[in-house]
Amino acid sequence: MSKTPTYRVASNPAPTPPQSLAVLFSGESQTRPQHRVGPKVVDYYLLHHVISGHGTFETDGQSHTLGPGHTFLIRPKRLFSYASDGEQPWRYRWVAFAGDRAESLLAEAGFGADRLVVETGASRAPADRCRDIYEAFRSRSPSASLEAAGQLHLLLACMKRADPEGAASPQKAETHGEELVRQVIGYLSTQYAEPLSIEAMAETLGYNRAYLSRLFKRHTGVTPIAFLTRIRTDRGKRLLRERPELTVEQVASSVGFQDALYFSKQFRRAYGTTPTGYRTDTLRS
């Protein structure tokens, strides 16, 4: 039994000047048998998620036969075409977007330079995210553009969650230890100003504190506590130089030291002078 062809699209109601990431429009279509688009080029990114039926996607000299659960990417200025099956024409939802962060986000989600298709299986999440973008634009609300950008991030997260091994990674594969150390460095580097503890960090990452500390020191040569202290003193040094209106106590508190005297002690140990002495010398130079 053939399905009635449909085509619905909604555009971003807000002006979309160049920015880091902007969704342009979104829609849904139940295609006719052998419905074909292209060959053509577009000047934005276009993601299609197949809900049902089958079809063929062609670009860069490659042909992909796709069905339910597949998401395929069309890149700007790349010649492409796609066509629905003659017996089981596909139904899909799509999202068009642009921005200077688009390529890096796509790579993180699994769409590398030579990878244009991600399989998400039976998950309804990608289709739901596309629908939410469409509905946000249909609402014409003042927040529609922001909602759509947020939903696009969630859509890309669906891709990565469905196929984590396909996501972008360094040329040299990281070992488990290297990956864990990277997570620790990221955790400490972003939360240094908070009253964090190594115990809480270890619990958050799902590891025993002693194991985490040994592993970190083996890879970096310092303990997590020493690394955290150095981050805090480094940030404190920068604040002393860039924010002369802040007192030493305020600087200490801003970088995670609850005790200004302890901050001064660690600062002198790291730089051979007190915070006040460093600031005085900096202002004179």
Protein backbone atom coordinates (compact mmCIF):
# COMPACT_ATOMS: atom_id res chain seq x y z
CA MET A 1 0.00 0.00 0.00
CA SER A 2 1.59 3.29 -1.10
CA LYS A 3 1.75 6.19 1.34
CA THR A 4 0.49 9.65 0.52
CA PRO A 5 3.44 11.91 -0.38
CA THR A 6 3.94 14.81 2.01
CA TYR A 7 6.38 17.71 2.29
CA ARG A 8 6.59 20.09 5.25
CA VAL A 9 9.29 22.63 6.06
CA ALA A 10 9.74 25.44 8.58
CA SER A 11 12.44 28.11 8.55
CA ASN A 12 14.23 29.91 11.34
CA PRO A 13 12.09 33.01 12.07
CA ALA A 14 15.10 34.99 13.31
CA PRO A 15 17.78 36.64 11.18
CA THR A 16 20.70 34.25 10.85
CA PRO A 17 23.93 36.23 10.44
CA PRO A 18 27.23 34.30 10.40
CA GLN A 19 27.78 32.74 13.80
CA SER A 20 29.29 29.65 15.40
CA LEU A 21 26.24 27.48 14.68
CA ALA A 22 22.82 28.38 13.28
CA VAL A 23 19.96 26.15 12.19
CA LEU A 24 18.43 27.46 8.97
CA PHE A 25 15.37 25.27 8.38
CA SER A 26 13.97 21.83 9.11
CA GLY A 27 11.32 19.59 7.61
CA GLU A 28 9.86 16.18 6.92
CA SER A 29 8.84 14.35 3.76
CA GLN A 30 7.18 11.13 2.75
CA THR A 31 8.54 10.81 -0.78
CA ARG A 32 7.02 9.35 -3.92
CA PRO A 33 8.54 6.18 -5.40
CA GLN A 34 11.80 7.00 -7.19
CA HIS A 35 11.63 10.64 -6.08
CA ARG A 36 15.02 12.15 -6.88
CA VAL A 37 16.91 15.26 -5.73
CA GLY A 38 19.97 16.48 -7.67
CA PRO A 39 22.64 16.19 -8.75
CA LYS A 40 23.11 19.63 -7.20
CA VAL A 41 25.09 21.57 -4.61
CA VAL A 42 24.00 23.66 -1.60
CA ASP A 43 25.89 26.18 0.51
CA TYR A 44 24.93 24.77 3.94
CA TYR A 45 25.09 21.48 5.83
CA LEU A 46 22.09 19.19 5.47
CA LEU A 47 21.37 16.17 7.68
CA HIS A 48 18.67 13.67 6.68
CA HIS A 49 17.42 11.01 9.09
CA VAL A 50 15.53 8.11 7.50
CA ILE A 51 12.44 7.08 9.46
CA SER A 52 11.05 4.43 7.10
CA GLY A 53 11.48 3.08 3.59
CA HIS A 54 14.69 2.97 1.57
CA GLY A 55 16.70 5.02 -0.88
CA THR A 56 20.12 5.78 -2.31
CA PHE A 57 22.46 8.65 -1.49
CA GLU A 58 25.32 9.54 -3.84
CA THR A 59 28.18 11.99 -3.35
CA ASP A 60 31.96 12.18 -3.83
CA GLY A 61 31.80 9.24 -6.24
CA GLN A 62 30.24 6.96 -3.62
CA SER A 63 26.79 5.41 -3.45
CA HIS A 64 25.05 4.47 -0.19
CA THR A 65 21.90 2.35 0.01
CA LEU A 66 20.08 3.47 3.15
CA GLY A 67 17.05 2.59 5.23
CA PRO A 68 15.43 3.23 8.63
CA GLY A 69 17.89 4.42 11.28
CA HIS A 70 20.43 5.86 8.84
CA THR A 71 21.43 9.51 9.00
CA PHE A 72 23.29 10.96 6.04
CA LEU A 73 25.21 14.21 5.73
CA ILE A 74 25.42 16.58 2.78
CA ARG A 75 28.30 19.03 3.02
CA PRO A 76 28.34 22.53 1.51
CA LYS A 77 29.40 22.85 -2.13
CA ARG A 78 29.66 19.06 -2.62
CA LEU A 79 27.82 17.60 -5.59
CA PHE A 80 25.17 15.13 -4.38
CA SER A 81 21.96 13.39 -5.29
CA TYR A 82 19.54 11.06 -3.53
CA ALA A 83 16.57 9.03 -4.67
CA SER A 84 13.85 7.01 -2.96
CA ASP A 85 13.22 3.34 -3.63
CA GLY A 86 10.64 2.41 -6.26
CA GLU A 87 8.83 -0.06 -3.99
CA GLN A 88 9.46 1.35 -0.51
CA PRO A 89 9.96 5.10 -0.87
CA TRP A 90 11.60 6.60 2.16
CA ARG A 91 10.28 9.02 4.72
CA TYR A 92 12.85 11.27 6.32
CA ARG A 93 13.31 14.38 8.40
CA TRP A 94 16.03 16.89 7.70
CA VAL A 95 17.86 19.82 9.28
CA ALA A 96 19.88 22.49 7.45
CA PHE A 97 22.52 24.45 9.36
CA ALA A 98 25.68 26.53 8.97
CA GLY A 99 28.43 28.08 11.07
CA ASP A 100 32.13 27.91 11.72
CA ARG A 101 31.67 25.30 14.47
CA ALA A 102 29.63 22.94 12.32
CA GLU A 103 32.52 20.88 10.95
CA SER A 104 34.16 20.25 14.32
CA LEU A 105 30.83 19.28 15.90
CA LEU A 106 30.08 16.91 13.03
CA ALA A 107 33.50 15.29 13.39
CA GLU A 108 32.91 14.81 17.11
CA ALA A 109 29.54 13.22 16.34
CA GLY A 110 31.12 10.69 13.98
CA PHE A 111 30.94 12.39 10.59
CA GLY A 112 34.60 12.44 9.62
CA ALA A 113 36.01 13.75 6.36
CA ASP A 114 35.27 10.44 4.60
CA ARG A 115 32.24 9.37 6.63
CA LEU A 116 28.84 10.66 5.61
CA VAL A 117 26.47 8.05 7.07
CA VAL A 118 25.83 7.10 10.72
CA GLU A 119 23.62 4.20 11.79
CA THR A 120 21.44 4.90 14.85
CA GLY A 121 19.42 1.68 14.78
CA ALA A 122 15.95 1.66 16.28
CA SER A 123 16.48 4.78 18.39
CA ARG A 124 13.69 7.33 18.01
CA ALA A 125 15.85 10.12 19.39
CA PRO A 126 17.27 11.48 16.08
CA ALA A 127 13.83 11.72 14.49
CA ASP A 128 12.45 13.33 17.65
CA ARG A 129 15.21 15.95 17.70
CA CYS A 130 14.55 16.83 14.05
CA ARG A 131 10.84 17.13 14.81
CA ASP A 132 11.54 19.37 17.82
CA ILE A 133 13.55 21.74 15.62
CA TYR A 134 10.72 21.84 13.10
CA GLU A 135 8.16 22.51 15.84
CA ALA A 136 10.33 25.25 17.36
CA PHE A 137 10.39 27.07 14.04
CA ARG A 138 6.67 26.56 13.51
CA SER A 139 5.98 28.16 16.90
CA ARG A 140 7.66 31.40 15.72
CA SER A 141 8.58 32.11 19.34
CA PRO A 142 11.39 34.54 20.23
CA SER A 143 13.40 31.59 21.57
CA ALA A 144 12.97 29.40 18.47
CA SER A 145 16.47 29.97 17.11
CA LEU A 146 18.12 29.14 20.45
CA GLU A 147 15.88 26.09 20.93
CA ALA A 148 16.77 24.82 17.47
CA ALA A 149 20.51 25.22 18.09
CA GLY A 150 20.15 23.31 21.35
CA GLN A 151 18.20 20.53 19.67
CA LEU A 152 20.84 20.31 16.93
CA HIS A 153 23.49 19.69 19.58
CA LEU A 154 21.28 16.95 21.04
CA LEU A 155 20.79 15.48 17.56
CA LEU A 156 24.55 15.27 17.04
CA ALA A 157 24.90 13.76 20.49
CA CYS A 158 22.50 11.01 19.34
CA MET A 159 24.91 10.22 16.52
CA LYS A 160 27.88 9.93 18.85
CA ARG A 161 25.94 7.90 21.42
CA ALA A 162 24.83 5.46 18.73
CA ASP A 163 28.32 5.01 17.31
CA PRO A 164 30.96 6.20 19.83
CA GLU A 165 33.79 4.42 18.02
CA GLY A 166 33.16 6.46 14.89
CA ALA A 167 33.63 9.80 16.62
CA ALA A 168 36.71 11.84 15.86
CA SER A 169 39.83 10.88 17.78
CA PRO A 170 43.52 11.72 17.64
CA GLN A 171 45.55 10.05 14.90
CA LYS A 172 47.21 7.87 17.51
CA ALA A 173 44.66 5.92 19.52
CA GLU A 174 44.74 6.78 23.21
CA THR A 175 45.30 4.07 25.77
CA HIS A 176 42.87 3.74 28.67
CA GLY A 177 45.37 5.45 30.94
CA GLU A 178 45.92 8.38 28.57
CA GLU A 179 42.20 8.89 28.15
CA LEU A 180 41.66 8.85 31.93
CA VAL A 181 44.49 11.33 32.50
CA ARG A 182 42.96 13.58 29.84
CA GLN A 183 39.65 13.47 31.72
CA VAL A 184 41.35 14.34 35.01
CA ILE A 185 43.17 17.28 33.42
CA GLY A 186 39.92 18.51 31.90
CA TYR A 187 38.09 18.15 35.21
CA LEU A 188 40.73 20.03 37.21
CA SER A 189 41.31 22.68 34.54
CA THR A 190 37.64 23.65 34.38
CA GLN A 191 36.68 23.33 38.07
CA TYR A 192 39.82 24.63 39.79
CA ALA A 193 37.92 27.62 41.22
CA GLU A 194 35.42 25.37 42.98
CA PRO A 195 35.94 23.72 46.39
CA LEU A 196 36.63 20.39 44.73
CA SER A 197 38.40 17.39 46.23
CA ILE A 198 40.29 14.55 44.61
CA GLU A 199 37.89 12.13 46.32
CA ALA A 200 34.88 13.81 44.69
CA MET A 201 36.61 13.88 41.32
CA ALA A 202 37.48 10.18 41.56
CA GLU A 203 33.88 9.36 42.45
CA THR A 204 32.60 11.42 39.51
CA LEU A 205 34.92 9.62 37.10
CA GLY A 206 34.06 6.24 38.65
CA TYR A 207 37.50 5.27 39.97
CA ASN A 208 39.24 4.68 43.25
CA ARG A 209 41.20 7.73 44.41
CA ALA A 210 44.42 5.83 45.04
CA TYR A 211 44.31 4.19 41.60
CA LEU A 212 43.54 7.49 39.90
CA SER A 213 46.38 9.29 41.72
CA ARG A 214 48.92 6.58 40.87
CA LEU A 215 47.89 6.53 37.23
CA PHE A 216 47.98 10.32 36.95
CA LYS A 217 51.44 10.59 38.51
CA ARG A 218 52.79 7.82 36.29
CA HIS A 219 51.70 9.70 33.18
CA THR A 220 52.40 13.30 34.26
CA GLY A 221 55.07 13.07 36.95
CA VAL A 222 52.93 14.93 39.50
CA THR A 223 49.98 14.08 41.72
CA PRO A 224 46.49 15.44 40.98
CA ILE A 225 46.78 17.67 44.07
CA ALA A 226 50.07 19.15 42.85
CA PHE A 227 48.59 19.67 39.38
CA LEU A 228 45.52 21.40 40.84
CA THR A 229 47.66 23.62 43.05
CA ARG A 230 49.76 24.68 40.06
CA ILE A 231 46.66 25.51 38.02
CA ARG A 232 45.34 27.65 40.86
CA THR A 233 48.60 29.52 41.38
CA ASP A 234 48.99 30.06 37.62
CA ARG A 235 45.47 31.50 37.39
CA GLY A 236 46.13 33.57 40.49
CA LYS A 237 49.27 35.00 38.90
CA ARG A 238 47.28 36.05 35.87
CA LEU A 239 44.58 37.71 37.99
CA LEU A 240 47.18 39.59 40.01
CA ARG A 241 48.53 41.00 36.76
CA GLU A 242 45.25 41.63 34.92
CA ARG A 243 42.94 42.69 37.78
CA PRO A 244 44.83 45.13 40.02
CA GLU A 245 41.58 46.21 41.72
CA LEU A 246 41.20 42.77 43.35
CA THR A 247 42.76 42.20 46.74
CA VAL A 248 45.04 39.24 47.33
CA GLU A 249 42.25 37.64 49.36
CA GLN A 250 39.81 38.09 46.47
CA VAL A 251 42.29 36.65 43.99
CA ALA A 252 42.90 33.65 46.25
CA SER A 253 39.17 33.00 46.56
CA SER A 254 38.66 33.43 42.81
CA VAL A 255 41.10 30.63 41.98
CA GLY A 256 39.95 28.14 44.60
CA PHE A 257 42.10 28.94 47.64
CA GLN A 258 39.94 29.44 50.71
CA ASP A 259 42.93 30.63 52.75
CA ALA A 260 44.85 33.64 51.42
CA LEU A 261 47.90 32.76 53.53
CA TYR A 262 48.05 29.31 51.98
CA PHE A 263 47.75 30.90 48.54
CA SER A 264 50.68 33.18 49.38
CA LYS A 265 52.73 30.22 50.56
CA GLN A 266 52.08 28.22 47.39
CA PHE A 267 52.67 31.29 45.23
CA ARG A 268 56.06 31.95 46.82
CA ARG A 269 56.99 28.31 46.40
CA ALA A 270 56.11 28.42 42.70
CA TYR A 271 57.45 31.87 41.75
CA GLY A 272 59.90 32.86 44.44
CA THR A 273 57.98 35.93 45.55
CA THR A 274 54.76 36.83 47.34
CA PRO A 275 51.57 37.75 45.47
CA THR A 276 51.95 41.34 46.67
CA GLY A 277 55.58 41.44 45.61
CA TYR A 278 54.75 40.04 42.18
CA ARG A 279 51.96 42.57 41.66
CA THR A 280 54.18 45.48 42.73
CA ASP A 281 56.96 44.43 40.35
CA THR A 282 54.45 43.97 37.52
CA LEU A 283 52.92 47.40 37.98
CA ARG A 284 56.35 49.01 37.99
CA SER A 285 57.43 47.40 34.75
